[in-house]
Amino acid sequence: MQALPPSCPPLPDLPPLFWTEVAKQVAYWQEFFAQAPPGDAHPDEMRKICITRIKTRLKRLHAGKITGRGLFEMAHYAACLTVIDSRN
C-alpha cells in the first residue's frame, strides 16, 4: 500500500493494479493543476469532491457492490487528492 495523504479516508488492502492506476493518475493530476488557469481549479472544492467520492466507493466496496470500474474511479480520486494535498 502506498502512502496517501492524511485527508484520504483509510483504504482497505487493494490490488496492485489499483496502485498502478493511482501512480499513473498522479502524473495526470500534477499536469492538470500546473496548467490550470488561476481560479479554475479550486483545490478545496476538489478535495471535498474527492473525499466524498472515495467514501461512496468504499461503501459500495464494503457492500460487495463495487466493480473494477469503481476501483478504477476510486484510483483517480485518490490520485487527485494526493496531488492536491502535496501542493498545499
PDB file of N, CA and C in Angstrom:
ATOM      1  N   MET A   1       0.834  -1.185   0.000  1.00  0.00           N
ATOM      2  CA  MET A   1       0.000   0.000   0.000  1.00  0.00           C
ATOM      3  C   MET A   1       0.871   1.239   0.000  1.00  0.00           C
ATOM      4  N   GLN A   2       0.514   2.180  -0.815  1.00  0.00           N
ATOM      5  CA  GLN A   2       1.273   3.415  -0.902  1.00  0.00           C
ATOM      6  C   GLN A   2       0.789   4.406   0.144  1.00  0.00           C
ATOM      7  N   ALA A   3       1.598   5.420   0.377  1.00  0.00           N
ATOM      8  CA  ALA A   3       1.213   6.451   1.334  1.00  0.00           C
ATOM      9  C   ALA A   3       0.221   7.400   0.678  1.00  0.00           C
ATOM     10  N   LEU A   4      -0.895   7.575   1.333  1.00  0.00           N
ATOM     11  CA  LEU A   4      -1.905   8.514   0.877  1.00  0.00           C
ATOM     12  C   LEU A   4      -1.926   9.697   1.834  1.00  0.00           C
ATOM     13  N   PRO A   5      -2.460  10.822   1.393  1.00  0.00           N
ATOM     14  CA  PRO A   5      -2.500  11.984   2.277  1.00  0.00           C
ATOM     15  C   PRO A   5      -3.398  11.724   3.483  1.00  0.00           C
ATOM     16  N   PRO A   6      -3.157  12.443   4.573  1.00  0.00           N
ATOM     17  CA  PRO A   6      -3.962  12.247   5.777  1.00  0.00           C
ATOM     18  C   PRO A   6      -5.457  12.531   5.567  1.00  0.00           C
ATOM     19  N   SER A   7      -5.795  13.363   4.604  1.00  0.00           N
ATOM     20  CA  SER A   7      -7.206  13.683   4.377  1.00  0.00           C
ATOM     21  C   SER A   7      -7.960  12.554   3.684  1.00  0.00           C
ATOM     22  N   CYS A   8      -7.236  11.576   3.150  1.00  0.00           N
ATOM     23  CA  CYS A   8      -7.880  10.461   2.450  1.00  0.00           C
ATOM     24  C   CYS A   8      -8.453   9.476   3.459  1.00  0.00           C
ATOM     25  N   PRO A   9      -9.694   9.051   3.240  1.00  0.00           N
ATOM     26  CA  PRO A   9     -10.253   8.015   4.122  1.00  0.00           C
ATOM     27  C   PRO A   9      -9.394   6.756   4.047  1.00  0.00           C
ATOM     28  N   PRO A  10      -9.304   6.005   5.139  1.00  0.00           N
ATOM     29  CA  PRO A  10      -8.492   4.788   5.109  1.00  0.00           C
ATOM     30  C   PRO A  10      -9.024   3.793   4.077  1.00  0.00           C
ATOM     31  N   LEU A  11      -8.109   3.247   3.312  1.00  0.00           N
ATOM     32  CA  LEU A  11      -8.481   2.295   2.273  1.00  0.00           C
ATOM     33  C   LEU A  11      -8.110   0.881   2.718  1.00  0.00           C
ATOM     34  N   PRO A  12      -8.931  -0.092   2.360  1.00  0.00           N
ATOM     35  CA  PRO A  12      -8.589  -1.478   2.676  1.00  0.00           C
ATOM     36  C   PRO A  12      -7.440  -1.943   1.786  1.00  0.00           C
ATOM     37  N   ASP A  13      -7.016  -3.161   1.978  1.00  0.00           N
ATOM     38  CA  ASP A  13      -5.982  -3.737   1.130  1.00  0.00           C
ATOM     39  C   ASP A  13      -6.548  -3.861  -0.285  1.00  0.00           C
ATOM     40  N   LEU A  14      -5.948  -3.164  -1.223  1.00  0.00           N
ATOM     41  CA  LEU A  14      -6.436  -3.152  -2.596  1.00  0.00           C
ATOM     42  C   LEU A  14      -5.412  -3.779  -3.529  1.00  0.00           C
ATOM     43  N   PRO A  15      -5.846  -4.277  -4.682  1.00  0.00           N
ATOM     44  CA  PRO A  15      -4.926  -4.967  -5.597  1.00  0.00           C
ATOM     45  C   PRO A  15      -3.865  -4.027  -6.169  1.00  0.00           C
ATOM     46  N   PRO A  16      -2.739  -4.618  -6.565  1.00  0.00           N
ATOM     47  CA  PRO A  16      -1.656  -3.807  -7.140  1.00  0.00           C
ATOM     48  C   PRO A  16      -2.088  -2.980  -8.350  1.00  0.00           C
ATOM     49  N   LEU A  17      -3.042  -3.465  -9.129  1.00  0.00           N
ATOM     50  CA  LEU A  17      -3.492  -2.682 -10.288  1.00  0.00           C
ATOM     51  C   LEU A  17      -4.103  -1.355  -9.863  1.00  0.00           C
ATOM     52  N   PHE A  18      -4.743  -1.324  -8.702  1.00  0.00           N
ATOM     53  CA  PHE A  18      -5.291  -0.080  -8.174  1.00  0.00           C
ATOM     54  C   PHE A  18      -4.158   0.921  -7.964  1.00  0.00           C
ATOM     55  N   TRP A  19      -3.084   0.469  -7.313  1.00  0.00           N
ATOM     56  CA  TRP A  19      -1.966   1.368  -7.011  1.00  0.00           C
ATOM     57  C   TRP A  19      -1.217   1.775  -8.267  1.00  0.00           C
ATOM     58  N   THR A  20      -1.168   0.896  -9.259  1.00  0.00           N
ATOM     59  CA  THR A  20      -0.557   1.257 -10.538  1.00  0.00           C
ATOM     60  C   THR A  20      -1.349   2.378 -11.186  1.00  0.00           C
ATOM     61  N   GLU A  21      -2.669   2.282 -11.135  1.00  0.00           N
ATOM     62  CA  GLU A  21      -3.527   3.326 -11.703  1.00  0.00           C
ATOM     63  C   GLU A  21      -3.378   4.638 -10.926  1.00  0.00           C
ATOM     64  N   VAL A  22      -3.264   4.554  -9.601  1.00  0.00           N
ATOM     65  CA  VAL A  22      -3.047   5.766  -8.797  1.00  0.00           C
ATOM     66  C   VAL A  22      -1.757   6.448  -9.251  1.00  0.00           C
ATOM     67  N   ALA A  23      -0.690   5.676  -9.404  1.00  0.00           N
ATOM     68  CA  ALA A  23       0.600   6.248  -9.821  1.00  0.00           C
ATOM     69  C   ALA A  23       0.493   6.926 -11.189  1.00  0.00           C
ATOM     70  N   LYS A  24      -0.226   6.306 -12.120  1.00  0.00           N
ATOM     71  CA  LYS A  24      -0.409   6.908 -13.451  1.00  0.00           C
ATOM     72  C   LYS A  24      -1.191   8.212 -13.352  1.00  0.00           C
ATOM     73  N   GLN A  25      -2.219   8.194 -12.542  1.00  0.00           N
ATOM     74  CA  GLN A  25      -3.090   9.359 -12.451  1.00  0.00           C
ATOM     75  C   GLN A  25      -2.468  10.512 -11.673  1.00  0.00           C
ATOM     76  N   VAL A  26      -1.528  10.240 -10.792  1.00  0.00           N
ATOM     77  CA  VAL A  26      -0.830  11.319 -10.086  1.00  0.00           C
ATOM     78  C   VAL A  26      -0.142  12.219 -11.105  1.00  0.00           C
ATOM     79  N   ALA A  27       0.507  11.625 -12.088  1.00  0.00           N
ATOM     80  CA  ALA A  27       1.171  12.418 -13.133  1.00  0.00           C
ATOM     81  C   ALA A  27       0.157  13.267 -13.895  1.00  0.00           C
ATOM     82  N   TYR A  28      -0.999  12.697 -14.201  1.00  0.00           N
ATOM     83  CA  TYR A  28      -2.043  13.450 -14.905  1.00  0.00           C
ATOM     84  C   TYR A  28      -2.500  14.649 -14.074  1.00  0.00           C
ATOM     85  N   TRP A  29      -2.786  14.416 -12.784  1.00  0.00           N
ATOM     86  CA  TRP A  29      -3.293  15.495 -11.945  1.00  0.00           C
ATOM     87  C   TRP A  29      -2.233  16.556 -11.670  1.00  0.00           C
ATOM     88  N   GLN A  30      -0.963  16.172 -11.614  1.00  0.00           N
ATOM     89  CA  GLN A  30       0.094  17.170 -11.454  1.00  0.00           C
ATOM     90  C   GLN A  30       0.114  18.110 -12.660  1.00  0.00           C
ATOM     91  N   GLU A  31       0.013  17.537 -13.837  1.00  0.00           N
ATOM     92  CA  GLU A  31      -0.015  18.341 -15.055  1.00  0.00           C
ATOM     93  C   GLU A  31      -1.286  19.193 -15.114  1.00  0.00           C
ATOM     94  N   PHE A  32      -2.407  18.606 -14.726  1.00  0.00           N
ATOM     95  CA  PHE A  32      -3.678  19.336 -14.733  1.00  0.00           C
ATOM     96  C   PHE A  32      -3.590  20.597 -13.877  1.00  0.00           C
ATOM     97  N   PHE A  33      -3.115  20.466 -12.645  1.00  0.00           N
ATOM     98  CA  PHE A  33      -3.036  21.618 -11.760  1.00  0.00           C
ATOM     99  C   PHE A  33      -1.955  22.603 -12.184  1.00  0.00           C
ATOM    100  N   ALA A  34      -0.888  22.117 -12.814  1.00  0.00           N
ATOM    101  CA  ALA A  34       0.170  23.009 -13.285  1.00  0.00           C
ATOM    102  C   ALA A  34      -0.314  23.874 -14.442  1.00  0.00           C
ATOM    103  N   GLN A  35      -1.205  23.340 -15.274  1.00  0.00           N
ATOM    104  CA  GLN A  35      -1.655  24.065 -16.461  1.00  0.00           C
ATOM    105  C   GLN A  35      -3.003  24.758 -16.282  1.00  0.00           C
ATOM    106  N   ALA A  36      -3.670  24.536 -15.165  1.00  0.00           N
ATOM    107  CA  ALA A  36      -4.992  25.133 -14.958  1.00  0.00           C
ATOM    108  C   ALA A  36      -4.848  26.642 -14.744  1.00  0.00           C
ATOM    109  N   PRO A  37      -5.665  27.417 -15.426  1.00  0.00           N
ATOM    110  CA  PRO A  37      -5.633  28.862 -15.195  1.00  0.00           C
ATOM    111  C   PRO A  37      -5.993  29.168 -13.737  1.00  0.00           C
ATOM    112  N   PRO A  38      -5.393  30.192 -13.173  1.00  0.00           N
ATOM    113  CA  PRO A  38      -5.701  30.538 -11.775  1.00  0.00           C
ATOM    114  C   PRO A  38      -7.206  30.744 -11.588  1.00  0.00           C
ATOM    115  N   GLY A  39      -7.723  30.145 -10.553  1.00  0.00           N
ATOM    116  CA  GLY A  39      -9.137  30.288 -10.256  1.00  0.00           C
ATOM    117  C   GLY A  39     -10.007  29.205 -10.854  1.00  0.00           C
ATOM    118  N   ASP A  40      -9.506  28.443 -11.822  1.00  0.00           N
ATOM    119  CA  ASP A  40     -10.312  27.396 -12.455  1.00  0.00           C
ATOM    120  C   ASP A  40     -10.373  26.120 -11.628  1.00  0.00           C
ATOM    121  N   ALA A  41      -9.283  25.765 -11.013  1.00  0.00           N
ATOM    122  CA  ALA A  41      -9.224  24.527 -10.228  1.00  0.00           C
ATOM    123  C   ALA A  41      -9.111  24.902  -8.757  1.00  0.00           C
ATOM    124  N   HIS A  42     -10.230  24.883  -8.055  1.00  0.00           N
ATOM    125  CA  HIS A  42     -10.241  25.228  -6.636  1.00  0.00           C
ATOM    126  C   HIS A  42      -9.899  23.984  -5.822  1.00  0.00           C
ATOM    127  N   PRO A  43      -8.697  23.941  -5.252  1.00  0.00           N
ATOM    128  CA  PRO A  43      -8.263  22.741  -4.530  1.00  0.00           C
ATOM    129  C   PRO A  43      -9.192  22.330  -3.391  1.00  0.00           C
ATOM    130  N   ASP A  44      -9.718  23.293  -2.640  1.00  0.00           N
ATOM    131  CA  ASP A  44     -10.584  22.938  -1.508  1.00  0.00           C
ATOM    132  C   ASP A  44     -11.870  22.266  -1.976  1.00  0.00           C
ATOM    133  N   GLU A  45     -12.449  22.782  -3.034  1.00  0.00           N
ATOM    134  CA  GLU A  45     -13.669  22.179  -3.577  1.00  0.00           C
ATOM    135  C   GLU A  45     -13.383  20.788  -4.139  1.00  0.00           C
ATOM    136  N   MET A  46     -12.268  20.671  -4.864  1.00  0.00           N
ATOM    137  CA  MET A  46     -11.916  19.381  -5.448  1.00  0.00           C
ATOM    138  C   MET A  46     -11.583  18.360  -4.362  1.00  0.00           C
ATOM    139  N   ARG A  47     -10.953  18.810  -3.266  1.00  0.00           N
ATOM    140  CA  ARG A  47     -10.637  17.914  -2.155  1.00  0.00           C
ATOM    141  C   ARG A  47     -11.929  17.330  -1.579  1.00  0.00           C
ATOM    142  N   LYS A  48     -12.931  18.192  -1.360  1.00  0.00           N
ATOM    143  CA  LYS A  48     -14.215  17.730  -0.817  1.00  0.00           C
ATOM    144  C   LYS A  48     -14.872  16.724  -1.756  1.00  0.00           C
ATOM    145  N   ILE A  49     -14.848  17.009  -3.046  1.00  0.00           N
ATOM    146  CA  ILE A  49     -15.440  16.092  -4.032  1.00  0.00           C
ATOM    147  C   ILE A  49     -14.724  14.745  -3.997  1.00  0.00           C
ATOM    148  N   CYS A  50     -13.398  14.778  -3.994  1.00  0.00           N
ATOM    149  CA  CYS A  50     -12.621  13.534  -3.991  1.00  0.00           C
ATOM    150  C   CYS A  50     -12.923  12.700  -2.750  1.00  0.00           C
ATOM    151  N   ILE A  51     -12.943  13.343  -1.584  1.00  0.00           N
ATOM    152  CA  ILE A  51     -13.201  12.608  -0.344  1.00  0.00           C
ATOM    153  C   ILE A  51     -14.597  12.009  -0.360  1.00  0.00           C
ATOM    154  N   THR A  52     -15.581  12.778  -0.819  1.00  0.00           N
ATOM    155  CA  THR A  52     -16.953  12.273  -0.894  1.00  0.00           C
ATOM    156  C   THR A  52     -17.043  11.082  -1.829  1.00  0.00           C
ATOM    157  N   ARG A  53     -16.420  11.180  -2.996  1.00  0.00           N
ATOM    158  CA  ARG A  53     -16.485  10.089  -3.970  1.00  0.00           C
ATOM    159  C   ARG A  53     -15.747   8.844  -3.484  1.00  0.00           C
ATOM    160  N   ILE A  54     -14.626   9.038  -2.800  1.00  0.00           N
ATOM    161  CA  ILE A  54     -13.886   7.889  -2.253  1.00  0.00           C
ATOM    162  C   ILE A  54     -14.746   7.185  -1.201  1.00  0.00           C
ATOM    163  N   LYS A  55     -15.381   7.968  -0.330  1.00  0.00           N
ATOM    164  CA  LYS A  55     -16.236   7.372   0.703  1.00  0.00           C
ATOM    165  C   LYS A  55     -17.396   6.601   0.074  1.00  0.00           C
ATOM    166  N   THR A  56     -17.981   7.148  -0.993  1.00  0.00           N
ATOM    167  CA  THR A  56     -19.081   6.462  -1.680  1.00  0.00           C
ATOM    168  C   THR A  56     -18.612   5.128  -2.230  1.00  0.00           C
ATOM    169  N   ARG A  57     -17.458   5.116  -2.862  1.00  0.00           N
ATOM    170  CA  ARG A  57     -16.954   3.873  -3.434  1.00  0.00           C
ATOM    171  C   ARG A  57     -16.544   2.876  -2.351  1.00  0.00           C
ATOM    172  N   LEU A  58     -16.065   3.380  -1.217  1.00  0.00           N
ATOM    173  CA  LEU A  58     -15.736   2.485  -0.108  1.00  0.00           C
ATOM    174  C   LEU A  58     -16.996   1.817   0.452  1.00  0.00           C
ATOM    175  N   LYS A  59     -18.090   2.573   0.540  1.00  0.00           N
ATOM    176  CA  LYS A  59     -19.360   1.985   0.993  1.00  0.00           C
ATOM    177  C   LYS A  59     -19.795   0.880   0.044  1.00  0.00           C
ATOM    178  N   ARG A  60     -19.648   1.127  -1.248  1.00  0.00           N
ATOM    179  CA  ARG A  60     -20.009   0.104  -2.233  1.00  0.00           C
ATOM    180  C   ARG A  60     -19.096  -1.112  -2.113  1.00  0.00           C
ATOM    181  N   LEU A  61     -17.816  -0.861  -1.862  1.00  0.00           N
ATOM    182  CA  LEU A  61     -16.850  -1.954  -1.706  1.00  0.00           C
ATOM    183  C   LEU A  61     -17.229  -2.830  -0.516  1.00  0.00           C
ATOM    184  N   HIS A  62     -17.558  -2.194   0.603  1.00  0.00           N
ATOM    185  CA  HIS A  62     -17.921  -2.945   1.801  1.00  0.00           C
ATOM    186  C   HIS A  62     -19.254  -3.676   1.627  1.00  0.00           C
ATOM    187  N   ALA A  63     -20.109  -3.160   0.767  1.00  0.00           N
ATOM    188  CA  ALA A  63     -21.394  -3.817   0.498  1.00  0.00           C
ATOM    189  C   ALA A  63     -21.252  -4.908  -0.561  1.00  0.00           C
ATOM    190  N   GLY A  64     -20.064  -5.038  -1.114  1.00  0.00           N
ATOM    191  CA  GLY A  64     -19.831  -6.051  -2.145  1.00  0.00           C
ATOM    192  C   GLY A  64     -20.359  -5.655  -3.510  1.00  0.00           C
ATOM    193  N   LYS A  65     -20.613  -4.383  -3.704  1.00  0.00           N
ATOM    194  CA  LYS A  65     -21.192  -3.921  -4.961  1.00  0.00           C
ATOM    195  C   LYS A  65     -20.202  -3.209  -5.870  1.00  0.00           C
ATOM    196  N   ILE A  66     -18.962  -3.103  -5.461  1.00  0.00           N
ATOM    197  CA  ILE A  66     -18.006  -2.358  -6.278  1.00  0.00           C
ATOM    198  C   ILE A  66     -17.471  -3.250  -7.396  1.00  0.00           C
ATOM    199  N   THR A  67     -17.312  -2.666  -8.536  1.00  0.00           N
ATOM    200  CA  THR A  67     -16.794  -3.382  -9.700  1.00  0.00           C
ATOM    201  C   THR A  67     -15.389  -2.881  -9.997  1.00  0.00           C
ATOM    202  N   GLY A  68     -14.790  -3.439 -11.018  1.00  0.00           N
ATOM    203  CA  GLY A  68     -13.479  -2.975 -11.444  1.00  0.00           C
ATOM    204  C   GLY A  68     -13.504  -1.503 -11.806  1.00  0.00           C
ATOM    205  N   ARG A  69     -14.605  -1.087 -12.407  1.00  0.00           N
ATOM    206  CA  ARG A  69     -14.736   0.326 -12.778  1.00  0.00           C
ATOM    207  C   ARG A  69     -14.749   1.211 -11.531  1.00  0.00           C
ATOM    208  N   GLY A  70     -15.400   0.755 -10.473  1.00  0.00           N
ATOM    209  CA  GLY A  70     -15.431   1.516  -9.227  1.00  0.00           C
ATOM    210  C   GLY A  70     -14.043   1.687  -8.629  1.00  0.00           C
ATOM    211  N   LEU A  71     -13.240   0.630  -8.672  1.00  0.00           N
ATOM    212  CA  LEU A  71     -11.858   0.734  -8.186  1.00  0.00           C
ATOM    213  C   LEU A  71     -11.048   1.666  -9.064  1.00  0.00           C
ATOM    214  N   PHE A  72     -11.284   1.594 -10.368  1.00  0.00           N
ATOM    215  CA  PHE A  72     -10.606   2.465 -11.319  1.00  0.00           C
ATOM    216  C   PHE A  72     -10.940   3.932 -11.005  1.00  0.00           C
ATOM    217  N   GLU A  73     -12.216   4.219 -10.776  1.00  0.00           N
ATOM    218  CA  GLU A  73     -12.639   5.585 -10.453  1.00  0.00           C
ATOM    219  C   GLU A  73     -12.051   6.032  -9.119  1.00  0.00           C
ATOM    220  N   MET A  74     -12.048   5.139  -8.131  1.00  0.00           N
ATOM    221  CA  MET A  74     -11.502   5.494  -6.829  1.00  0.00           C
ATOM    222  C   MET A  74     -10.005   5.804  -6.939  1.00  0.00           C
ATOM    223  N   ALA A  75      -9.305   5.125  -7.833  1.00  0.00           N
ATOM    224  CA  ALA A  75      -7.881   5.404  -8.048  1.00  0.00           C
ATOM    225  C   ALA A  75      -7.683   6.828  -8.555  1.00  0.00           C
ATOM    226  N   HIS A  76      -8.583   7.290  -9.429  1.00  0.00           N
ATOM    227  CA  HIS A  76      -8.494   8.657  -9.953  1.00  0.00           C
ATOM    228  C   HIS A  76      -8.683   9.673  -8.830  1.00  0.00           C
ATOM    229  N   TYR A  77      -9.682   9.437  -7.978  1.00  0.00           N
ATOM    230  CA  TYR A  77      -9.934  10.366  -6.876  1.00  0.00           C
ATOM    231  C   TYR A  77      -8.797  10.349  -5.862  1.00  0.00           C
ATOM    232  N   ALA A  78      -8.249   9.182  -5.578  1.00  0.00           N
ATOM    233  CA  ALA A  78      -7.128   9.089  -4.636  1.00  0.00           C
ATOM    234  C   ALA A  78      -5.902   9.816  -5.182  1.00  0.00           C
ATOM    235  N   ALA A  79      -5.664   9.699  -6.479  1.00  0.00           N
ATOM    236  CA  ALA A  79      -4.524  10.386  -7.093  1.00  0.00           C
ATOM    237  C   ALA A  79      -4.726  11.895  -7.057  1.00  0.00           C
ATOM    238  N   CYS A  80      -5.921  12.355  -7.382  1.00  0.00           N
ATOM    239  CA  CYS A  80      -6.218  13.782  -7.353  1.00  0.00           C
ATOM    240  C   CYS A  80      -6.022  14.332  -5.946  1.00  0.00           C
ATOM    241  N   LEU A  81      -6.533  13.631  -4.957  1.00  0.00           N
ATOM    242  CA  LEU A  81      -6.401  14.058  -3.565  1.00  0.00           C
ATOM    243  C   LEU A  81      -4.936  14.097  -3.144  1.00  0.00           C
ATOM    244  N   THR A  82      -4.153  13.138  -3.586  1.00  0.00           N
ATOM    245  CA  THR A  82      -2.717  13.100  -3.272  1.00  0.00           C
ATOM    246  C   THR A  82      -2.027  14.342  -3.821  1.00  0.00           C
ATOM    247  N   VAL A  83      -2.336  14.699  -5.055  1.00  0.00           N
ATOM    248  CA  VAL A  83      -1.708  15.874  -5.672  1.00  0.00           C
ATOM    249  C   VAL A  83      -2.160  17.157  -4.978  1.00  0.00           C
ATOM    250  N   ILE A  84      -3.438  17.263  -4.682  1.00  0.00           N
ATOM    251  CA  ILE A  84      -3.951  18.466  -4.014  1.00  0.00           C
ATOM    252  C   ILE A  84      -3.248  18.656  -2.675  1.00  0.00           C
ATOM    253  N   ASP A  85      -3.153  17.598  -1.884  1.00  0.00           N
ATOM    254  CA  ASP A  85      -2.532  17.718  -0.572  1.00  0.00           C
ATOM    255  C   ASP A  85      -1.028  17.958  -0.663  1.00  0.00           C
ATOM    256  N   SER A  86      -0.381  17.467  -1.698  1.00  0.00           N
ATOM    257  CA  SER A  86       1.058  17.683  -1.847  1.00  0.00           C
ATOM    258  C   SER A  86       1.369  19.109  -2.280  1.00  0.00           C
ATOM    259  N   ARG A  87       0.405  19.773  -2.895  1.00  0.00           N
ATOM    260  CA  ARG A  87       0.601  21.145  -3.355  1.00  0.00           C
ATOM    261  C   ARG A  87       0.401  22.173  -2.246  1.00  0.00           C
ATOM    262  N   ASN A  88      -0.263  21.759  -1.178  1.00  0.00           N
ATOM    263  CA  ASN A  88      -0.556  22.707  -0.084  1.00  0.00           C
ATOM    264  C   ASN A  88       0.399  22.543   1.068  1.00  0.00           C
TER     265      ASN A  88
END
